[in-house]
Amino acid sequence: MDGVHTQGTPSWWRTRTGIAVIGFALIGAFYILREHWGHAFGALPYLILLACPLMHLFMHHGHGHGGGGQDAASDRGNGAR
């Protein structure tokens, strides 16, 4: 693996079909937003408020909160000696 890359199949998004689907999706999203501008951005403050608890729920996973077992007590005890 000394800098040699093997040519595999490209991901679906990089094929002609994938690029065409992305293009049509962008065009469709543009026209939908253009026609429903007031509806889409009228809900934006509520979506931002909804994002706060969802980010709190998903982004605090793995911080080690709530442990407080013997490891936490022994760590505090070792620093005091």
N, C-alpha and C. Protein backbone atom coordinates (compact mmCIF):
# COMPACT_ATOMS: atom_id res chain seq x y z
N MET A 1 0.82 -1.18 0.00
CA MET A 1 0.00 0.00 0.00
C MET A 1 0.87 1.26 0.00
N ASP A 2 1.92 1.25 -0.75
CA ASP A 2 2.84 2.39 -0.82
C ASP A 2 2.32 3.45 -1.78
N GLY A 3 1.17 4.02 -1.45
CA GLY A 3 0.62 5.08 -2.28
C GLY A 3 -0.05 4.58 -3.55
N VAL A 4 -0.23 3.28 -3.70
CA VAL A 4 -0.86 2.72 -4.88
C VAL A 4 -2.34 2.58 -4.61
N HIS A 5 -3.15 3.19 -5.45
CA HIS A 5 -4.60 3.12 -5.30
C HIS A 5 -5.14 2.16 -6.36
N THR A 6 -5.99 1.26 -5.92
CA THR A 6 -6.62 0.36 -6.87
C THR A 6 -7.89 1.02 -7.40
N GLN A 7 -8.13 0.82 -8.67
CA GLN A 7 -9.31 1.39 -9.30
C GLN A 7 -10.48 0.47 -9.04
N GLY A 8 -11.39 0.90 -8.20
CA GLY A 8 -12.61 0.16 -7.95
C GLY A 8 -13.76 0.84 -8.65
N THR A 9 -14.94 0.37 -8.39
CA THR A 9 -16.10 1.01 -8.98
C THR A 9 -16.37 2.31 -8.22
N PRO A 10 -16.71 3.38 -8.92
CA PRO A 10 -16.98 4.64 -8.22
C PRO A 10 -18.28 4.53 -7.42
N SER A 11 -18.42 5.37 -6.43
CA SER A 11 -19.66 5.36 -5.66
C SER A 11 -20.81 5.80 -6.57
N TRP A 12 -22.01 5.49 -6.14
CA TRP A 12 -23.18 5.75 -6.98
C TRP A 12 -23.33 7.23 -7.27
N TRP A 13 -22.95 8.09 -6.32
CA TRP A 13 -23.11 9.52 -6.51
C TRP A 13 -22.21 10.08 -7.60
N ARG A 14 -21.15 9.38 -7.95
CA ARG A 14 -20.22 9.87 -8.97
C ARG A 14 -20.48 9.28 -10.36
N THR A 15 -21.51 8.47 -10.49
CA THR A 15 -21.86 7.94 -11.81
C THR A 15 -22.73 8.97 -12.54
N ARG A 16 -22.93 8.73 -13.82
CA ARG A 16 -23.77 9.65 -14.60
C ARG A 16 -25.19 9.70 -14.06
N THR A 17 -25.71 8.55 -13.68
CA THR A 17 -27.07 8.50 -13.14
C THR A 17 -27.16 9.27 -11.83
N GLY A 18 -26.18 9.10 -10.96
CA GLY A 18 -26.18 9.80 -9.68
C GLY A 18 -26.10 11.30 -9.84
N ILE A 19 -25.26 11.76 -10.75
CA ILE A 19 -25.14 13.20 -10.99
C ILE A 19 -26.44 13.76 -11.57
N ALA A 20 -27.09 12.99 -12.45
CA ALA A 20 -28.37 13.44 -13.01
C ALA A 20 -29.44 13.51 -11.93
N VAL A 21 -29.48 12.54 -11.04
CA VAL A 21 -30.47 12.54 -9.95
C VAL A 21 -30.23 13.73 -9.03
N ILE A 22 -28.97 14.00 -8.71
CA ILE A 22 -28.65 15.15 -7.86
C ILE A 22 -29.09 16.44 -8.53
N GLY A 23 -28.83 16.57 -9.82
CA GLY A 23 -29.23 17.77 -10.56
C GLY A 23 -30.74 17.97 -10.55
N PHE A 24 -31.49 16.90 -10.83
CA PHE A 24 -32.95 17.01 -10.83
C PHE A 24 -33.48 17.31 -9.43
N ALA A 25 -32.86 16.74 -8.40
CA ALA A 25 -33.29 17.01 -7.03
C ALA A 25 -33.05 18.47 -6.66
N LEU A 26 -31.91 19.02 -7.07
CA LEU A 26 -31.64 20.43 -6.80
C LEU A 26 -32.62 21.35 -7.52
N ILE A 27 -32.92 21.02 -8.77
CA ILE A 27 -33.89 21.83 -9.53
C ILE A 27 -35.27 21.74 -8.88
N GLY A 28 -35.68 20.55 -8.48
CA GLY A 28 -36.97 20.38 -7.82
C GLY A 28 -37.03 21.12 -6.49
N ALA A 29 -35.94 21.05 -5.71
CA ALA A 29 -35.91 21.76 -4.43
C ALA A 29 -36.00 23.27 -4.64
N PHE A 30 -35.34 23.77 -5.70
CA PHE A 30 -35.41 25.20 -6.00
C PHE A 30 -36.84 25.64 -6.27
N TYR A 31 -37.55 24.89 -7.12
CA TYR A 31 -38.91 25.29 -7.46
C TYR A 31 -39.87 25.13 -6.30
N ILE A 32 -39.68 24.11 -5.48
CA ILE A 32 -40.54 23.93 -4.31
C ILE A 32 -40.32 25.07 -3.33
N LEU A 33 -39.05 25.42 -3.06
CA LEU A 33 -38.78 26.53 -2.15
C LEU A 33 -39.26 27.86 -2.71
N ARG A 34 -39.16 28.01 -4.00
CA ARG A 34 -39.60 29.27 -4.63
C ARG A 34 -41.11 29.47 -4.47
N GLU A 35 -41.86 28.40 -4.61
CA GLU A 35 -43.32 28.50 -4.50
C GLU A 35 -43.78 28.54 -3.05
N HIS A 36 -43.04 27.93 -2.15
CA HIS A 36 -43.47 27.82 -0.76
C HIS A 36 -42.49 28.51 0.18
N TRP A 37 -41.94 29.63 -0.25
CA TRP A 37 -40.94 30.38 0.52
C TRP A 37 -41.45 30.75 1.91
N GLY A 38 -42.63 31.28 1.98
CA GLY A 38 -43.20 31.71 3.26
C GLY A 38 -43.46 30.55 4.20
N HIS A 39 -43.91 29.44 3.66
CA HIS A 39 -44.17 28.28 4.51
C HIS A 39 -42.87 27.68 5.02
N ALA A 40 -41.89 27.58 4.14
CA ALA A 40 -40.63 26.92 4.51
C ALA A 40 -39.87 27.73 5.55
N PHE A 41 -39.77 29.03 5.36
CA PHE A 41 -39.00 29.84 6.29
C PHE A 41 -39.84 30.35 7.46
N GLY A 42 -41.15 30.19 7.39
CA GLY A 42 -41.98 30.51 8.54
C GLY A 42 -41.80 29.50 9.65
N ALA A 43 -41.44 28.27 9.30
CA ALA A 43 -41.23 27.22 10.30
C ALA A 43 -39.79 27.17 10.78
N LEU A 44 -38.92 27.99 10.22
CA LEU A 44 -37.50 27.94 10.57
C LEU A 44 -37.23 28.19 12.05
N PRO A 45 -37.85 29.18 12.71
CA PRO A 45 -37.57 29.35 14.15
C PRO A 45 -37.94 28.12 14.97
N TYR A 46 -39.02 27.45 14.60
CA TYR A 46 -39.43 26.25 15.33
C TYR A 46 -38.46 25.10 15.07
N LEU A 47 -37.93 25.01 13.86
CA LEU A 47 -36.96 23.96 13.56
C LEU A 47 -35.65 24.19 14.31
N ILE A 48 -35.26 25.45 14.47
CA ILE A 48 -34.05 25.75 15.25
C ILE A 48 -34.26 25.38 16.71
N LEU A 49 -35.44 25.69 17.25
CA LEU A 49 -35.73 25.32 18.64
C LEU A 49 -35.80 23.81 18.80
N LEU A 50 -36.28 23.11 17.80
CA LEU A 50 -36.32 21.65 17.85
C LEU A 50 -34.92 21.05 17.75
N ALA A 51 -34.03 21.74 17.05
CA ALA A 51 -32.67 21.22 16.88
C ALA A 51 -31.90 21.23 18.20
N CYS A 52 -32.20 22.16 19.09
CA CYS A 52 -31.45 22.26 20.35
C CYS A 52 -31.57 21.00 21.20
N PRO A 53 -32.77 20.51 21.52
CA PRO A 53 -32.82 19.29 22.33
C PRO A 53 -32.31 18.06 21.57
N LEU A 54 -32.50 18.04 20.26
CA LEU A 54 -32.00 16.90 19.50
C LEU A 54 -30.47 16.86 19.50
N MET A 55 -29.84 18.02 19.35
CA MET A 55 -28.38 18.06 19.40
C MET A 55 -27.90 17.69 20.80
N HIS A 56 -28.58 18.15 21.83
CA HIS A 56 -28.20 17.81 23.19
C HIS A 56 -28.31 16.31 23.41
N LEU A 57 -29.36 15.71 22.88
CA LEU A 57 -29.58 14.28 23.05
C LEU A 57 -28.51 13.46 22.33
N PHE A 58 -28.20 13.82 21.10
CA PHE A 58 -27.29 13.00 20.31
C PHE A 58 -25.82 13.35 20.49
N MET A 59 -25.50 14.58 20.86
CA MET A 59 -24.10 14.97 20.91
C MET A 59 -23.46 14.74 22.28
N HIS A 60 -24.26 14.51 23.31
CA HIS A 60 -23.69 14.24 24.63
C HIS A 60 -23.49 12.75 24.85
N HIS A 61 -23.70 11.95 23.86
CA HIS A 61 -23.49 10.52 23.98
C HIS A 61 -22.00 10.23 24.03
N GLY A 62 -21.56 9.52 25.04
CA GLY A 62 -20.16 9.14 25.11
C GLY A 62 -19.29 10.08 25.92
N HIS A 63 -19.87 11.02 26.64
CA HIS A 63 -19.08 11.92 27.47
C HIS A 63 -18.66 11.26 28.77
N GLY A 64 -19.29 10.16 29.13
CA GLY A 64 -18.99 9.51 30.39
C GLY A 64 -19.78 10.09 31.54
N HIS A 65 -20.86 10.79 31.26
CA HIS A 65 -21.69 11.35 32.33
C HIS A 65 -22.44 10.22 33.02
N GLY A 66 -22.67 10.39 34.26
CA GLY A 66 -23.47 9.43 35.01
C GLY A 66 -22.68 8.26 35.51
N GLY A 67 -21.37 8.22 35.28
CA GLY A 67 -20.56 7.11 35.78
C GLY A 67 -20.51 7.15 37.29
N GLY A 68 -19.68 8.01 37.84
CA GLY A 68 -19.60 8.24 39.26
C GLY A 68 -19.35 7.02 40.10
N GLY A 69 -18.79 5.98 39.52
CA GLY A 69 -18.55 4.74 40.26
C GLY A 69 -17.26 4.81 41.04
N GLN A 70 -16.63 3.67 41.23
CA GLN A 70 -15.41 3.59 42.03
C GLN A 70 -14.23 4.24 41.32
N ASP A 71 -14.23 4.25 40.01
CA ASP A 71 -13.12 4.88 39.27
C ASP A 71 -13.05 6.37 39.57
N ALA A 72 -14.21 7.02 39.62
CA ALA A 72 -14.22 8.46 39.88
C ALA A 72 -13.77 8.75 41.30
N ALA A 73 -14.14 7.91 42.25
CA ALA A 73 -13.73 8.10 43.64
C ALA A 73 -12.24 7.85 43.81
N SER A 74 -11.71 6.85 43.13
CA SER A 74 -10.27 6.55 43.27
C SER A 74 -9.43 7.63 42.58
N ASP A 75 -9.93 8.24 41.49
CA ASP A 75 -9.18 9.32 40.83
C ASP A 75 -9.08 10.53 41.74
N ARG A 76 -10.14 10.84 42.46
CA ARG A 76 -10.10 11.98 43.37
C ARG A 76 -9.19 11.69 44.54
N GLY A 77 -9.17 10.47 45.00
CA GLY A 77 -8.35 10.10 46.15
C GLY A 77 -6.87 10.12 45.81
N ASN A 78 -6.49 9.75 44.58
CA ASN A 78 -5.07 9.73 44.21
C ASN A 78 -4.47 11.12 44.10
N GLY A 79 -5.26 12.08 43.72
CA GLY A 79 -4.74 13.44 43.56
C GLY A 79 -4.52 14.14 44.90
N ALA A 80 -5.23 13.71 45.94
CA ALA A 80 -5.14 14.38 47.22
C ALA A 80 -3.92 13.92 48.02
N ARG A 81 -3.36 12.78 47.69
CA ARG A 81 -2.25 12.24 48.47
C ARG A 81 -1.00 12.87 48.11
